[in-house]
């Protein structure tokens, strides 16, 4: 969280309502199991297949330019650290000891830290970061529609409470961590 790279999910698997996983424009709630409870996609028309579960009353699509979506790749063996200044990474010779990592990701890594505490997320196969460049448009749109979204999310029989809505402006995706 302090790295401003989003909110990590304990259960990041895509669900049947959003088979490709989250992407910029998706609106949902974090569930009690650490997964993402998909509601709708604000950047798609109401009649789009991904919005077949419904959209809030009075829904208007946030029209975005798809060319403003930036995709960056993190190399295999990259990492995210709470304080990278204290971390030293060493690539060891030989094959990977991580089960199910393909040979092209076959690197062995060793990390040492001079800090007493901290957190480290290792991406043995790398990752893909997807960001929309015009986050201010997303912010303005969310401010104008948040109350309607909240009412929709807590509609009849849902009672999701006040755990918060998430409007995805970017995400990091990795097959292994």
Protein backbone atom coordinates (compact mmCIF):
# COMPACT_ATOMS: atom_id res chain seq x y z
CA UNK A 1 0.00 0.00 0.00
CA UNK A 2 2.70 2.57 0.78
CA UNK A 3 4.22 1.89 -2.66
CA UNK A 4 0.96 3.16 -4.23
CA UNK A 5 0.64 0.01 -6.31
CA UNK A 6 -2.92 -0.80 -5.33
CA UNK A 7 -4.55 -3.03 -2.79
CA UNK A 8 -3.24 -6.61 -2.60
CA UNK A 9 -5.85 -9.36 -2.73
CA UNK A 10 -5.50 -12.48 -0.58
CA UNK A 11 -7.59 -14.32 -3.16
CA UNK A 12 -6.69 -12.76 -6.53
CA UNK A 13 -8.27 -15.40 -8.76
CA UNK A 14 -10.64 -14.13 -11.44
CA UNK A 15 -14.28 -15.13 -11.00
CA UNK A 16 -16.96 -16.23 -13.46
CA UNK A 17 -18.37 -12.69 -13.70
CA UNK A 18 -15.01 -11.24 -14.68
CA UNK A 19 -13.02 -14.07 -16.30
CA UNK A 20 -10.06 -11.91 -17.33
CA UNK A 21 -9.70 -10.36 -13.88
CA UNK A 22 -9.84 -6.69 -12.99
CA UNK A 23 -8.81 -3.89 -15.34
CA UNK A 24 -9.23 -0.10 -15.42
CA UNK A 25 -12.92 0.80 -15.19
CA UNK A 26 -14.08 -2.10 -13.03
CA UNK A 27 -16.10 -1.32 -9.87
CA UNK A 28 -16.40 -3.75 -6.97
CA UNK A 29 -16.01 -4.52 -3.29
CA UNK A 30 -13.39 -6.50 -1.38
CA UNK A 31 -15.06 -9.61 0.00
CA UNK A 32 -14.47 -11.25 3.38
CA UNK A 33 -12.13 -13.83 1.82
CA UNK A 34 -9.75 -11.25 0.35
CA UNK A 35 -11.16 -11.46 -3.15
CA UNK A 36 -12.79 -8.90 -5.38
CA UNK A 37 -16.60 -8.94 -5.61
CA UNK A 38 -17.24 -7.57 -9.11
CA UNK A 39 -20.24 -5.24 -9.55
CA UNK A 40 -19.97 -3.68 -13.02
CA UNK A 41 -17.59 -1.98 -15.44
CA UNK A 42 -18.03 1.79 -15.67
CA UNK A 43 -16.03 2.05 -18.90
CA UNK A 44 -18.30 -0.30 -20.86
CA UNK A 45 -21.86 0.25 -22.09
CA UNK A 46 -24.70 -0.98 -19.86
CA UNK A 47 -25.59 -3.66 -22.42
CA UNK A 48 -22.04 -5.07 -22.62
CA UNK A 49 -21.74 -8.76 -21.69
CA UNK A 50 -19.54 -7.89 -18.68
CA UNK A 51 -22.37 -5.71 -17.36
CA UNK A 52 -25.01 -8.42 -17.81
CA UNK A 53 -25.37 -8.66 -14.02
CA UNK A 54 -26.72 -5.11 -14.01
CA UNK A 55 -25.57 -1.56 -13.53
CA UNK A 56 -26.73 1.19 -11.14
CA UNK A 57 -29.91 3.12 -12.02
CA UNK A 58 -29.19 6.03 -14.36
CA UNK A 59 -25.86 4.46 -15.36
CA UNK A 60 -23.79 6.38 -17.90
CA UNK A 61 -20.63 4.86 -19.31
CA UNK A 62 -17.32 6.62 -18.65
CA UNK A 63 -15.97 6.88 -22.18
CA UNK A 64 -12.22 6.54 -22.19
CA UNK A 65 -9.61 6.44 -24.88
CA UNK A 66 -8.18 2.90 -24.85
CA UNK A 67 -4.87 4.30 -26.11
CA UNK A 68 -4.51 5.99 -22.69
CA UNK A 69 -4.11 2.60 -21.05
CA UNK A 70 -0.44 2.06 -20.34
CA UNK A 71 0.96 -1.47 -19.95
CA UNK A 72 4.36 -2.06 -18.36
CA UNK A 73 6.08 -5.36 -17.65
CA UNK A 74 8.17 -6.27 -14.61
CA UNK A 75 10.94 -8.75 -15.42
CA UNK A 76 11.06 -12.25 -13.94
CA UNK A 77 12.63 -12.08 -10.49
CA UNK A 78 11.56 -8.50 -9.87
CA UNK A 79 10.29 -7.55 -6.44
CA UNK A 80 8.39 -4.95 -4.48
CA UNK A 81 9.79 -4.09 -1.05
CA UNK A 82 8.44 -1.94 1.75
CA UNK A 83 11.84 -0.25 1.84
CA UNK A 84 13.94 -1.23 -1.18
CA UNK A 85 16.99 0.65 0.11
CA UNK A 86 17.47 -2.12 2.70
CA UNK A 87 17.12 -5.04 0.24
CA UNK A 88 19.89 -6.72 -1.70
CA UNK A 89 19.02 -9.27 -4.40
CA UNK A 90 21.46 -11.91 -5.59
CA UNK A 91 20.85 -14.18 -8.59
CA UNK A 92 22.27 -17.61 -7.84
CA UNK A 93 23.47 -19.99 -10.55
CA UNK A 94 21.43 -23.11 -11.27
CA UNK A 95 17.81 -23.98 -11.84
CA UNK A 96 14.84 -22.58 -9.95
CA UNK A 97 13.67 -24.49 -6.89
CA UNK A 98 10.20 -23.00 -7.15
CA UNK A 99 7.75 -25.71 -8.28
CA UNK A 100 5.82 -25.08 -11.50
CA UNK A 101 7.93 -22.09 -12.56
CA UNK A 102 8.70 -22.57 -16.26
CA UNK A 103 12.35 -22.90 -17.35
CA UNK A 104 12.40 -19.35 -18.76
CA UNK A 105 11.73 -18.13 -15.23
CA UNK A 106 14.36 -20.56 -13.94
CA UNK A 107 16.37 -18.23 -11.78
CA UNK A 108 17.25 -18.71 -8.15
CA UNK A 109 17.14 -15.61 -6.04
CA UNK A 110 18.47 -14.78 -2.62
CA UNK A 111 17.42 -11.68 -0.72
CA UNK A 112 19.10 -10.11 2.28
CA UNK A 113 18.00 -7.11 4.26
CA UNK A 114 19.68 -4.71 6.65
CA UNK A 115 16.31 -3.74 8.14
CA UNK A 116 14.89 -5.43 11.24
CA UNK A 117 11.38 -5.54 9.76
CA UNK A 118 9.78 -5.15 6.38
CA UNK A 119 7.85 -6.83 3.62
CA UNK A 120 8.96 -8.27 0.30
CA UNK A 121 6.86 -9.50 -2.62
CA UNK A 122 8.86 -11.52 -5.14
CA UNK A 123 7.51 -11.95 -8.68
CA UNK A 124 9.37 -15.01 -10.01
CA UNK A 125 7.66 -14.82 -13.41
CA UNK A 126 7.46 -11.04 -13.44
CA UNK A 127 4.21 -9.12 -13.67
CA UNK A 128 2.20 -6.83 -15.87
CA UNK A 129 1.10 -3.38 -14.71
CA UNK A 130 -1.95 -1.87 -16.43
CA UNK A 131 -2.71 1.81 -15.69
CA UNK A 132 -4.99 4.40 -17.19
CA UNK A 133 -3.13 7.67 -17.69
CA UNK A 134 -6.12 9.97 -17.06
CA UNK A 135 -6.82 9.12 -13.41
CA UNK A 136 -8.35 12.55 -12.83
CA UNK A 137 -11.23 11.58 -15.16
CA UNK A 138 -11.79 8.47 -13.07
CA UNK A 139 -11.75 10.53 -9.85
CA UNK A 140 -14.26 13.05 -11.18
CA UNK A 141 -16.53 10.29 -12.47
CA UNK A 142 -16.38 8.45 -9.12
CA UNK A 143 -17.20 11.62 -7.18
CA UNK A 144 -20.27 12.18 -9.35
CA UNK A 145 -21.53 8.59 -9.06
CA UNK A 146 -20.30 7.17 -5.73
CA UNK A 147 -23.60 7.56 -3.87
CA UNK A 148 -25.53 5.78 -6.64
CA UNK A 149 -22.92 3.01 -6.69
CA UNK A 150 -23.10 2.58 -2.91
CA UNK A 151 -26.91 2.37 -3.00
CA UNK A 152 -26.71 -0.15 -5.86
CA UNK A 153 -24.07 -2.26 -4.05
CA UNK A 154 -26.30 -2.44 -0.97
CA UNK A 155 -29.53 -3.11 -2.87
CA UNK A 156 -32.22 -5.59 -1.83
CA UNK A 157 -30.77 -8.76 -0.35
CA UNK A 158 -27.16 -7.64 -0.65
CA UNK A 159 -26.35 -5.82 2.62
CA UNK A 160 -22.65 -5.41 1.90
CA UNK A 161 -22.32 -2.70 4.52
CA UNK A 162 -19.75 0.05 4.41
CA UNK A 163 -16.64 -1.94 3.52
CA UNK A 164 -15.98 0.42 0.62
CA UNK A 165 -16.26 0.49 -3.12
CA UNK A 166 -13.21 0.20 -5.35
CA UNK A 167 -12.98 1.82 -8.77
CA UNK A 168 -10.00 0.28 -10.54
CA UNK A 169 -7.72 2.73 -12.36
CA UNK A 170 -4.85 0.29 -12.70
CA UNK A 171 -3.68 -3.13 -11.60
CA UNK A 172 -0.69 -5.42 -11.37
CA UNK A 173 -1.16 -9.00 -12.53
CA UNK A 174 1.20 -11.88 -11.85
CA UNK A 175 0.86 -15.64 -12.34
CA UNK A 176 3.21 -16.43 -9.45
CA UNK A 177 4.38 -14.64 -6.33
